PDB file of N, CA and C in Angstrom:
ATOM      1  N   MET A   1     102.965 205.830  48.493  1.00  0.00           N
ATOM      2  CA  MET A   1     102.078 206.965  48.704  1.00  0.00           C
ATOM      3  C   MET A   1     100.709 206.647  48.112  1.00  0.00           C
ATOM      4  N   LEU A   2      99.673 206.969  48.859  1.00  0.00           N
ATOM      5  CA  LEU A   2      98.318 206.683  48.418  1.00  0.00           C
ATOM      6  C   LEU A   2      97.834 207.729  47.417  1.00  0.00           C
ATOM      7  N   ASN A   3      97.058 207.254  46.482  1.00  0.00           N
ATOM      8  CA  ASN A   3      96.418 208.125  45.512  1.00  0.00           C
ATOM      9  C   ASN A   3      95.317 208.926  46.232  1.00  0.00           C
ATOM     10  N   PRO A   4      95.168 210.235  45.972  1.00  0.00           N
ATOM     11  CA  PRO A   4      94.110 211.002  46.645  1.00  0.00           C
ATOM     12  C   PRO A   4      92.723 210.434  46.390  1.00  0.00           C
ATOM     13  N   GLU A   5      92.525 209.742  45.272  1.00  0.00           N
ATOM     14  CA  GLU A   5      91.217 209.154  44.973  1.00  0.00           C
ATOM     15  C   GLU A   5      90.868 208.040  45.956  1.00  0.00           C
ATOM     16  N   ASP A   6      91.886 207.385  46.548  1.00  0.00           N
ATOM     17  CA  ASP A   6      91.639 206.315  47.506  1.00  0.00           C
ATOM     18  C   ASP A   6      90.897 206.815  48.753  1.00  0.00           C
ATOM     19  N   TYR A   7      91.094 208.073  49.105  1.00  0.00           N
ATOM     20  CA  TYR A   7      90.426 208.626  50.279  1.00  0.00           C
ATOM     21  C   TYR A   7      88.948 208.884  50.020  1.00  0.00           C
ATOM     22  N   ARG A   8      88.570 209.010  48.754  1.00  0.00           N
ATOM     23  CA  ARG A   8      87.187 209.341  48.422  1.00  0.00           C
ATOM     24  C   ARG A   8      86.364 208.124  48.004  1.00  0.00           C
ATOM     25  N   THR A   9      86.945 206.926  48.082  1.00  0.00           N
ATOM     26  CA  THR A   9      86.292 205.735  47.582  1.00  0.00           C
ATOM     27  C   THR A   9      86.032 204.751  48.727  1.00  0.00           C
ATOM     28  N   LEU A  10      84.823 204.196  48.751  1.00  0.00           N
ATOM     29  CA  LEU A  10      84.454 203.184  49.737  1.00  0.00           C
ATOM     30  C   LEU A  10      84.154 201.878  49.023  1.00  0.00           C
ATOM     31  N   TYR A  11      84.581 200.767  49.614  1.00  0.00           N
ATOM     32  CA  TYR A  11      84.223 199.441  49.118  1.00  0.00           C
ATOM     33  C   TYR A  11      83.329 198.789  50.168  1.00  0.00           C
ATOM     34  N   LEU A  12      82.101 198.458  49.773  1.00  0.00           N
ATOM     35  CA  LEU A  12      81.123 197.906  50.712  1.00  0.00           C
ATOM     36  C   LEU A  12      80.432 196.692  50.106  1.00  0.00           C
ATOM     37  N   PRO A  13      79.907 195.799  50.947  1.00  0.00           N
ATOM     38  CA  PRO A  13      79.106 194.701  50.409  1.00  0.00           C
ATOM     39  C   PRO A  13      77.702 195.202  50.090  1.00  0.00           C
ATOM     40  N   GLY A  14      77.091 194.568  49.107  1.00  0.00           N
ATOM     41  CA  GLY A  14      75.735 194.942  48.713  1.00  0.00           C
ATOM     42  C   GLY A  14      74.954 193.726  48.279  1.00  0.00           C
ATOM     43  N   TYR A  15      73.675 193.944  47.988  1.00  0.00           N
ATOM     44  CA  TYR A  15      72.764 192.875  47.611  1.00  0.00           C
ATOM     45  C   TYR A  15      71.957 193.366  46.409  1.00  0.00           C
ATOM     46  N   VAL A  16      72.014 192.640  45.295  1.00  0.00           N
ATOM     47  CA  VAL A  16      71.335 193.041  44.067  1.00  0.00           C
ATOM     48  C   VAL A  16      69.837 192.774  44.220  1.00  0.00           C
ATOM     49  N   LEU A  17      69.035 193.823  44.046  1.00  0.00           N
ATOM     50  CA  LEU A  17      67.584 193.683  44.164  1.00  0.00           C
ATOM     51  C   LEU A  17      66.929 193.420  42.814  1.00  0.00           C
ATOM     52  N   SER A  18      67.305 194.186  41.790  1.00  0.00           N
ATOM     53  CA  SER A  18      66.687 194.004  40.475  1.00  0.00           C
ATOM     54  C   SER A  18      67.587 194.587  39.386  1.00  0.00           C
ATOM     55  N   ARG A  19      67.258 194.240  38.153  1.00  0.00           N
ATOM     56  CA  ARG A  19      68.009 194.722  36.993  1.00  0.00           C
ATOM     57  C   ARG A  19      67.220 195.844  36.346  1.00  0.00           C
ATOM     58  N   ILE A  20      67.912 196.873  35.876  1.00  0.00           N
ATOM     59  CA  ILE A  20      67.287 197.991  35.206  1.00  0.00           C
ATOM     60  C   ILE A  20      67.740 197.980  33.752  1.00  0.00           C
ATOM     61  N   GLY A  21      66.909 197.520  32.850  1.00  0.00           N
ATOM     62  CA  GLY A  21      67.226 197.543  31.434  1.00  0.00           C
ATOM     63  C   GLY A  21      68.327 196.577  31.036  1.00  0.00           C
ATOM     64  N   PRO A  22      68.641 196.541  29.737  1.00  0.00           N
ATOM     65  CA  PRO A  22      69.627 195.585  29.220  1.00  0.00           C
ATOM     66  C   PRO A  22      71.071 196.071  29.251  1.00  0.00           C
ATOM     67  N   ASP A  23      71.318 197.280  29.764  1.00  0.00           N
ATOM     68  CA  ASP A  23      72.651 197.880  29.669  1.00  0.00           C
ATOM     69  C   ASP A  23      73.544 197.639  30.866  1.00  0.00           C
ATOM     70  N   GLY A  24      73.168 196.742  31.785  1.00  0.00           N
ATOM     71  CA  GLY A  24      74.051 196.399  32.901  1.00  0.00           C
ATOM     72  C   GLY A  24      73.899 197.276  34.115  1.00  0.00           C
ATOM     73  N   ASN A  25      72.738 197.892  34.287  1.00  0.00           N
ATOM     74  CA  ASN A  25      72.473 198.665  35.501  1.00  0.00           C
ATOM     75  C   ASN A  25      71.572 197.863  36.426  1.00  0.00           C
ATOM     76  N   PHE A  26      71.803 198.001  37.725  1.00  0.00           N
ATOM     77  CA  PHE A  26      71.076 197.245  38.720  1.00  0.00           C
ATOM     78  C   PHE A  26      70.689 198.151  39.874  1.00  0.00           C
ATOM     79  N   VAL A  27      69.663 197.735  40.618  1.00  0.00           N
ATOM     80  CA  VAL A  27      69.340 198.369  41.898  1.00  0.00           C
ATOM     81  C   VAL A  27      70.032 197.519  42.962  1.00  0.00           C
ATOM     82  N   VAL A  28      70.901 198.155  43.756  1.00  0.00           N
ATOM     83  CA  VAL A  28      71.698 197.455  44.754  1.00  0.00           C
ATOM     84  C   VAL A  28      71.366 198.008  46.136  1.00  0.00           C
ATOM     85  N   LEU A  29      71.165 197.119  47.094  1.00  0.00           N
ATOM     86  CA  LEU A  29      70.918 197.522  48.477  1.00  0.00           C
ATOM     87  C   LEU A  29      72.258 197.550  49.208  1.00  0.00           C
ATOM     88  N   VAL A  30      72.668 198.755  49.615  1.00  0.00           N
ATOM     89  CA  VAL A  30      73.937 198.939  50.315  1.00  0.00           C
ATOM     90  C   VAL A  30      73.655 199.751  51.575  1.00  0.00           C
ATOM     91  N   SER A  31      73.979 199.190  52.721  1.00  0.00           N
ATOM     92  CA  SER A  31      73.755 199.870  54.010  1.00  0.00           C
ATOM     93  C   SER A  31      72.320 200.365  54.143  1.00  0.00           C
ATOM     94  N   ASN A  32      71.369 199.480  53.798  1.00  0.00           N
ATOM     95  CA  ASN A  32      69.927 199.765  53.904  1.00  0.00           C
ATOM     96  C   ASN A  32      69.465 200.923  53.015  1.00  0.00           C
ATOM     97  N   LYS A  33      70.208 201.216  51.950  1.00  0.00           N
ATOM     98  CA  LYS A  33      69.804 202.223  50.985  1.00  0.00           C
ATOM     99  C   LYS A  33      69.873 201.613  49.589  1.00  0.00           C
ATOM    100  N   GLU A  34      68.878 201.923  48.765  1.00  0.00           N
ATOM    101  CA  GLU A  34      68.856 201.433  47.389  1.00  0.00           C
ATOM    102  C   GLU A  34      69.561 202.448  46.505  1.00  0.00           C
ATOM    103  N   ILE A  35      70.575 201.987  45.765  1.00  0.00           N
ATOM    104  CA  ILE A  35      71.285 202.857  44.834  1.00  0.00           C
ATOM    105  C   ILE A  35      71.445 202.141  43.512  1.00  0.00           C
ATOM    106  N   ILE A  36      71.722 202.906  42.463  1.00  0.00           N
ATOM    107  CA  ILE A  36      71.924 202.361  41.128  1.00  0.00           C
ATOM    108  C   ILE A  36      73.368 201.883  41.028  1.00  0.00           C
ATOM    109  N   GLY A  37      73.547 200.676  40.504  1.00  0.00           N
ATOM    110  CA  GLY A  37      74.893 200.126  40.349  1.00  0.00           C
ATOM    111  C   GLY A  37      75.138 199.704  38.908  1.00  0.00           C
ATOM    112  N   SER A  38      76.325 200.005  38.400  1.00  0.00           N
ATOM    113  CA  SER A  38      76.726 199.599  37.051  1.00  0.00           C
ATOM    114  C   SER A  38      77.830 198.567  37.151  1.00  0.00           C
ATOM    115  N   LEU A  39      77.927 197.706  36.150  1.00  0.00           N
ATOM    116  CA  LEU A  39      78.990 196.698  36.133  1.00  0.00           C
ATOM    117  C   LEU A  39      80.329 197.354  35.849  1.00  0.00           C
ATOM    118  N   SER A  40      81.359 196.918  36.544  1.00  0.00           N
ATOM    119  CA  SER A  40      82.706 197.417  36.269  1.00  0.00           C
ATOM    120  C   SER A  40      83.196 196.852  34.934  1.00  0.00           C
ATOM    121  N   ASP A  41      84.235 197.447  34.398  1.00  0.00           N
ATOM    122  CA  ASP A  41      84.786 197.003  33.117  1.00  0.00           C
ATOM    123  C   ASP A  41      85.262 195.556  33.177  1.00  0.00           C
ATOM    124  N   ARG A  42      85.855 195.165  34.296  1.00  0.00           N
ATOM    125  CA  ARG A  42      86.370 193.796  34.438  1.00  0.00           C
ATOM    126  C   ARG A  42      85.235 192.773  34.355  1.00  0.00           C
ATOM    127  N   LEU A  43      84.121 193.065  35.014  1.00  0.00           N
ATOM    128  CA  LEU A  43      82.981 192.144  34.966  1.00  0.00           C
ATOM    129  C   LEU A  43      82.383 192.090  33.560  1.00  0.00           C
ATOM    130  N   GLN A  44      82.340 193.214  32.875  1.00  0.00           N
ATOM    131  CA  GLN A  44      81.814 193.240  31.509  1.00  0.00           C
ATOM    132  C   GLN A  44      82.719 192.478  30.553  1.00  0.00           C
ATOM    133  N   ARG A  45      84.038 192.676  30.663  1.00  0.00           N
ATOM    134  CA  ARG A  45      84.982 191.999  29.777  1.00  0.00           C
ATOM    135  C   ARG A  45      84.937 190.491  29.935  1.00  0.00           C
ATOM    136  N   ASN A  46      84.776 190.022  31.163  1.00  0.00           N
ATOM    137  CA  ASN A  46      84.781 188.590  31.433  1.00  0.00           C
ATOM    138  C   ASN A  46      83.390 187.964  31.377  1.00  0.00           C
ATOM    139  N   SER A  47      82.399 188.721  30.960  1.00  0.00           N
ATOM    140  CA  SER A  47      81.011 188.247  30.802  1.00  0.00           C
ATOM    141  C   SER A  47      80.500 187.557  32.064  1.00  0.00           C
ATOM    142  N   ILE A  48      80.752 188.155  33.211  1.00  0.00           N
ATOM    143  CA  ILE A  48      80.255 187.613  34.474  1.00  0.00           C
ATOM    144  C   ILE A  48      78.819 188.059  34.644  1.00  0.00           C
ATOM    145  N   ARG A  49      77.938 187.096  34.901  1.00  0.00           N
ATOM    146  CA  ARG A  49      76.510 187.401  35.034  1.00  0.00           C
ATOM    147  C   ARG A  49      76.174 187.749  36.475  1.00  0.00           C
ATOM    148  N   ILE A  50      75.412 188.818  36.610  1.00  0.00           N
ATOM    149  CA  ILE A  50      74.897 189.248  37.896  1.00  0.00           C
ATOM    150  C   ILE A  50      73.388 189.063  37.858  1.00  0.00           C
ATOM    151  N   LEU A  51      72.845 188.412  38.867  1.00  0.00           N
ATOM    152  CA  LEU A  51      71.414 188.161  38.936  1.00  0.00           C
ATOM    153  C   LEU A  51      70.837 188.771  40.203  1.00  0.00           C
ATOM    154  N   PRO A  52      69.543 189.111  40.178  1.00  0.00           N
ATOM    155  CA  PRO A  52      68.922 189.579  41.415  1.00  0.00           C
ATOM    156  C   PRO A  52      69.065 188.523  42.510  1.00  0.00           C
ATOM    157  N   GLY A  53      69.452 188.964  43.689  1.00  0.00           N
ATOM    158  CA  GLY A  53      69.695 188.060  44.797  1.00  0.00           C
ATOM    159  C   GLY A  53      71.160 187.804  45.058  1.00  0.00           C
ATOM    160  N   ASP A  54      72.054 188.213  44.150  1.00  0.00           N
ATOM    161  CA  ASP A  54      73.496 188.014  44.338  1.00  0.00           C
ATOM    162  C   ASP A  54      74.060 189.004  45.353  1.00  0.00           C
ATOM    163  N   HIS A  55      75.035 188.531  46.117  1.00  0.00           N
ATOM    164  CA  HIS A  55      75.787 189.392  47.022  1.00  0.00           C
ATOM    165  C   HIS A  55      76.995 189.890  46.249  1.00  0.00           C
ATOM    166  N   VAL A  56      77.220 191.199  46.270  1.00  0.00           N
ATOM    167  CA  VAL A  56      78.284 191.800  45.475  1.00  0.00           C
ATOM    168  C   VAL A  56      79.091 192.764  46.312  1.00  0.00           C
ATOM    169  N   ALA A  57      80.298 193.063  45.840  1.00  0.00           N
ATOM    170  CA  ALA A  57      81.120 194.125  46.412  1.00  0.00           C
ATOM    171  C   ALA A  57      80.966 195.340  45.508  1.00  0.00           C
ATOM    172  N   VAL A  58      80.725 196.488  46.104  1.00  0.00           N
ATOM    173  CA  VAL A  58      80.514 197.701  45.314  1.00  0.00           C
ATOM    174  C   VAL A  58      81.549 198.762  45.697  1.00  0.00           C
ATOM    175  N   LYS A  59      81.855 199.607  44.721  1.00  0.00           N
ATOM    176  CA  LYS A  59      82.777 200.721  44.911  1.00  0.00           C
ATOM    177  C   LYS A  59      81.952 201.998  44.811  1.00  0.00           C
ATOM    178  N   ILE A  60      82.011 202.810  45.859  1.00  0.00           N
ATOM    179  CA  ILE A  60      81.210 204.031  45.908  1.00  0.00           C
ATOM    180  C   ILE A  60      82.139 205.223  46.009  1.00  0.00           C
ATOM    181  N   ASN A  61      81.968 206.189  45.104  1.00  0.00           N
ATOM    182  CA  ASN A  61      82.692 207.436  45.174  1.00  0.00           C
ATOM    183  C   ASN A  61      81.873 208.386  46.040  1.00  0.00           C
ATOM    184  N   MET A  62      82.495 208.995  47.026  1.00  0.00           N
ATOM    185  CA  MET A  62      81.777 209.820  47.988  1.00  0.00           C
ATOM    186  C   MET A  62      81.171 211.074  47.367  1.00  0.00           C
ATOM    187  N   PHE A  63      81.655 211.482  46.190  1.00  0.00           N
ATOM    188  CA  PHE A  63      81.172 212.715  45.576  1.00  0.00           C
ATOM    189  C   PHE A  63      80.067 212.474  44.555  1.00  0.00           C
ATOM    190  N   VAL A  64      79.778 211.213  44.234  1.00  0.00           N
ATOM    191  CA  VAL A  64      78.719 210.888  43.282  1.00  0.00           C
ATOM    192  C   VAL A  64      77.624 210.157  44.058  1.00  0.00           C
ATOM    193  N   ALA A  65      76.630 210.885  44.493  1.00  0.00           N
ATOM    194  CA  ALA A  65      75.584 210.297  45.338  1.00  0.00           C
ATOM    195  C   ALA A  65      74.638 209.444  44.500  1.00  0.00           C
ATOM    196  N   GLY A  66      74.255 208.302  45.051  1.00  0.00           N
ATOM    197  CA  GLY A  66      73.240 207.467  44.416  1.00  0.00           C
ATOM    198  C   GLY A  66      73.730 206.565  43.313  1.00  0.00           C
ATOM    199  N   HIS A  67      75.044 206.401  43.155  1.00  0.00           N
ATOM    200  CA  HIS A  67      75.580 205.525  42.111  1.00  0.00           C
ATOM    201  C   HIS A  67      76.774 204.756  42.653  1.00  0.00           C
ATOM    202  N   CYS A  68      76.926 203.507  42.179  1.00  0.00           N
ATOM    203  CA  CYS A  68      78.080 202.708  42.573  1.00  0.00           C
ATOM    204  C   CYS A  68      78.499 201.828  41.395  1.00  0.00           C
ATOM    205  N   TRP A  69      79.685 201.259  41.494  1.00  0.00           N
ATOM    206  CA  TRP A  69      80.189 200.295  40.524  1.00  0.00           C
ATOM    207  C   TRP A  69      80.227 198.934  41.185  1.00  0.00           C
ATOM    208  N   ILE A  70      79.655 197.923  40.530  1.00  0.00           N
ATOM    209  CA  ILE A  70      79.715 196.551  41.034  1.00  0.00           C
ATOM    210  C   ILE A  70      81.070 195.989  40.582  1.00  0.00           C
ATOM    211  N   VAL A  71      81.934 195.699  41.542  1.00  0.00           N
ATOM    212  CA  VAL A  71      83.302 195.298  41.203  1.00  0.00           C
ATOM    213  C   VAL A  71      83.567 193.809  41.349  1.00  0.00           C
ATOM    214  N   ASP A  72      82.741 193.087  42.141  1.00  0.00           N
ATOM    215  CA  ASP A  72      83.019 191.666  42.341  1.00  0.00           C
ATOM    216  C   ASP A  72      81.794 190.971  42.932  1.00  0.00           C
ATOM    217  N   LEU A  73      81.724 189.658  42.723  1.00  0.00           N
ATOM    218  CA  LEU A  73      80.710 188.823  43.353  1.00  0.00           C
ATOM    219  C   LEU A  73      81.261 188.317  44.672  1.00  0.00           C
ATOM    220  N   ILE A  74      80.409 188.198  45.678  1.00  0.00           N
ATOM    221  CA  ILE A  74      80.802 187.619  46.962  1.00  0.00           C
ATOM    222  C   ILE A  74      80.230 186.222  47.000  1.00  0.00           C
ATOM    223  N   ASP A  75      81.078 185.219  47.187  1.00  0.00           N
ATOM    224  CA  ASP A  75      80.666 183.817  47.157  1.00  0.00           C
ATOM    225  C   ASP A  75      80.086 183.422  48.505  1.00  0.00           C
ATOM    226  N   ASP A  76      78.778 183.119  48.540  1.00  0.00           N
ATOM    227  CA  ASP A  76      78.121 182.712  49.782  1.00  0.00           C
ATOM    228  C   ASP A  76      78.499 181.299  50.183  1.00  0.00           C
ATOM    229  N   ASN A  77      78.886 180.448  49.232  1.00  0.00           N
ATOM    230  CA  ASN A  77      79.207 179.052  49.531  1.00  0.00           C
ATOM    231  C   ASN A  77      80.440 178.918  50.405  1.00  0.00           C
ATOM    232  N   VAL A  78      81.365 179.867  50.339  1.00  0.00           N
ATOM    233  CA  VAL A  78      82.586 179.798  51.131  1.00  0.00           C
ATOM    234  C   VAL A  78      82.231 179.829  52.618  1.00  0.00           C
ATOM    235  N   GLU A  79      81.322 180.714  53.016  1.00  0.00           N
ATOM    236  CA  GLU A  79      80.936 180.807  54.412  1.00  0.00           C
ATOM    237  C   GLU A  79      80.252 179.524  54.877  1.00  0.00           C
ATOM    238  N   GLU A  80      79.397 178.931  54.028  1.00  0.00           N
ATOM    239  CA  GLU A  80      78.723 177.695  54.391  1.00  0.00           C
ATOM    240  C   GLU A  80      79.735 176.560  54.576  1.00  0.00           C
ATOM    241  N   ASP A  81      80.734 176.472  53.685  1.00  0.00           N
ATOM    242  CA  ASP A  81      81.751 175.443  53.798  1.00  0.00           C
ATOM    243  C   ASP A  81      82.549 175.602  55.085  1.00  0.00           C
ATOM    244  N   LEU A  82      82.871 176.838  55.438  1.00  0.00           N
ATOM    245  CA  LEU A  82      83.616 177.084  56.673  1.00  0.00           C
ATOM    246  C   LEU A  82      82.794 176.664  57.883  1.00  0.00           C
ATOM    247  N   ASP A  83      81.509 176.976  57.878  1.00  0.00           N
ATOM    248  CA  ASP A  83      80.638 176.585  58.988  1.00  0.00           C
ATOM    249  C   ASP A  83      80.571 175.079  59.122  1.00  0.00           C
ATOM    250  N   ASP A  84      80.463 174.352  57.993  1.00  0.00           N
ATOM    251  CA  ASP A  84      80.407 172.889  58.033  1.00  0.00           C
ATOM    252  C   ASP A  84      81.687 172.302  58.611  1.00  0.00           C
ATOM    253  N   ASN A  85      82.840 172.849  58.217  1.00  0.00           N
ATOM    254  CA  ASN A  85      84.128 172.352  58.711  1.00  0.00           C
ATOM    255  C   ASN A  85      84.254 172.567  60.219  1.00  0.00           C
ATOM    256  N   VAL A  86      83.797 173.696  60.713  1.00  0.00           N
ATOM    257  CA  VAL A  86      83.878 173.983  62.145  1.00  0.00           C
ATOM    258  C   VAL A  86      83.013 173.007  62.919  1.00  0.00           C
ATOM    259  N   GLU A  87      81.790 172.733  62.422  1.00  0.00           N
ATOM    260  CA  GLU A  87      80.905 171.793  63.098  1.00  0.00           C
ATOM    261  C   GLU A  87      81.503 170.385  63.126  1.00  0.00           C
ATOM    262  N   GLU A  88      82.149 169.959  62.015  1.00  0.00           N
ATOM    263  CA  GLU A  88      82.778 168.643  61.976  1.00  0.00           C
ATOM    264  C   GLU A  88      83.906 168.567  62.993  1.00  0.00           C
ATOM    265  N   ASP A  89      84.717 169.610  63.093  1.00  0.00           N
ATOM    266  CA  ASP A  89      85.825 169.634  64.056  1.00  0.00           C
ATOM    267  C   ASP A  89      85.298 169.556  65.481  1.00  0.00           C
ATOM    268  N   LEU A  90      84.211 170.263  65.761  1.00  0.00           N
ATOM    269  CA  LEU A  90      83.635 170.231  67.103  1.00  0.00           C
ATOM    270  C   LEU A  90      83.115 168.834  67.429  1.00  0.00           C
ATOM    271  N   ASP A  91      82.469 168.188  66.453  1.00  0.00           N
ATOM    272  CA  ASP A  91      81.949 166.830  66.676  1.00  0.00           C
ATOM    273  C   ASP A  91      83.099 165.866  66.949  1.00  0.00           C
ATOM    274  N   ASP A  92      84.212 165.990  66.224  1.00  0.00           N
ATOM    275  CA  ASP A  92      85.361 165.121  66.426  1.00  0.00           C
ATOM    276  C   ASP A  92      85.943 165.308  67.832  1.00  0.00           C
ATOM    277  N   ASN A  93      86.021 166.560  68.275  1.00  0.00           N
ATOM    278  CA  ASN A  93      86.573 166.823  69.606  1.00  0.00           C
ATOM    279  C   ASN A  93      85.684 166.253  70.707  1.00  0.00           C
ATOM    280  N   VAL A  94      84.386 166.306  70.530  1.00  0.00           N
ATOM    281  CA  VAL A  94      83.461 165.788  71.550  1.00  0.00           C
ATOM    282  C   VAL A  94      83.603 164.275  71.633  1.00  0.00           C
ATOM    283  N   GLU A  95      83.734 163.593  70.474  1.00  0.00           N
ATOM    284  CA  GLU A  95      83.881 162.132  70.461  1.00  0.00           C
ATOM    285  C   GLU A  95      85.195 161.709  71.118  1.00  0.00           C
ATOM    286  N   GLU A  96      86.256 162.472  70.908  1.00  0.00           N
ATOM    287  CA  GLU A  96      87.564 162.130  71.503  1.00  0.00           C
ATOM    288  C   GLU A  96      87.524 162.299  73.018  1.00  0.00           C
ATOM    289  N   ASP A  97      86.790 163.288  73.518  1.00  0.00           N
ATOM    290  CA  ASP A  97      86.714 163.501  74.962  1.00  0.00           C
ATOM    291  C   ASP A  97      85.976 162.380  75.673  1.00  0.00           C
ATOM    292  N   HIS A  98      85.008 161.749  75.023  1.00  0.00           N
ATOM    293  CA  HIS A  98      84.208 160.706  75.638  1.00  0.00           C
ATOM    294  C   HIS A  98      84.920 159.349  75.621  1.00  0.00           C
ATOM    295  N   ASP A  99      85.952 159.190  74.801  1.00  0.00           N
ATOM    296  CA  ASP A  99      86.656 157.885  74.699  1.00  0.00           C
ATOM    297  C   ASP A  99      87.524 157.600  75.891  1.00  0.00           C
TER     298      ASP A  99
END
């Protein structure tokens, strides 16, 4: 059975624009809107650094407008590695067809 809070929570990708003060608050661009984002407890405990320009996953409560929790970093390198592997596979297939 789902927790009723699950219906009121959205998880979306975002982009960190800037840092607000030393207390772990950031301006995050989510769905073309700038909102204030705070670090989740897990990120604070593990001393994970968030910098302007990072892609992050945010948790938004539908009843608290203009605020979100930054829950995870999104690794951009994974997508680049996948693209490189696909291009290599395509090149290999083209060479095999010409032989």
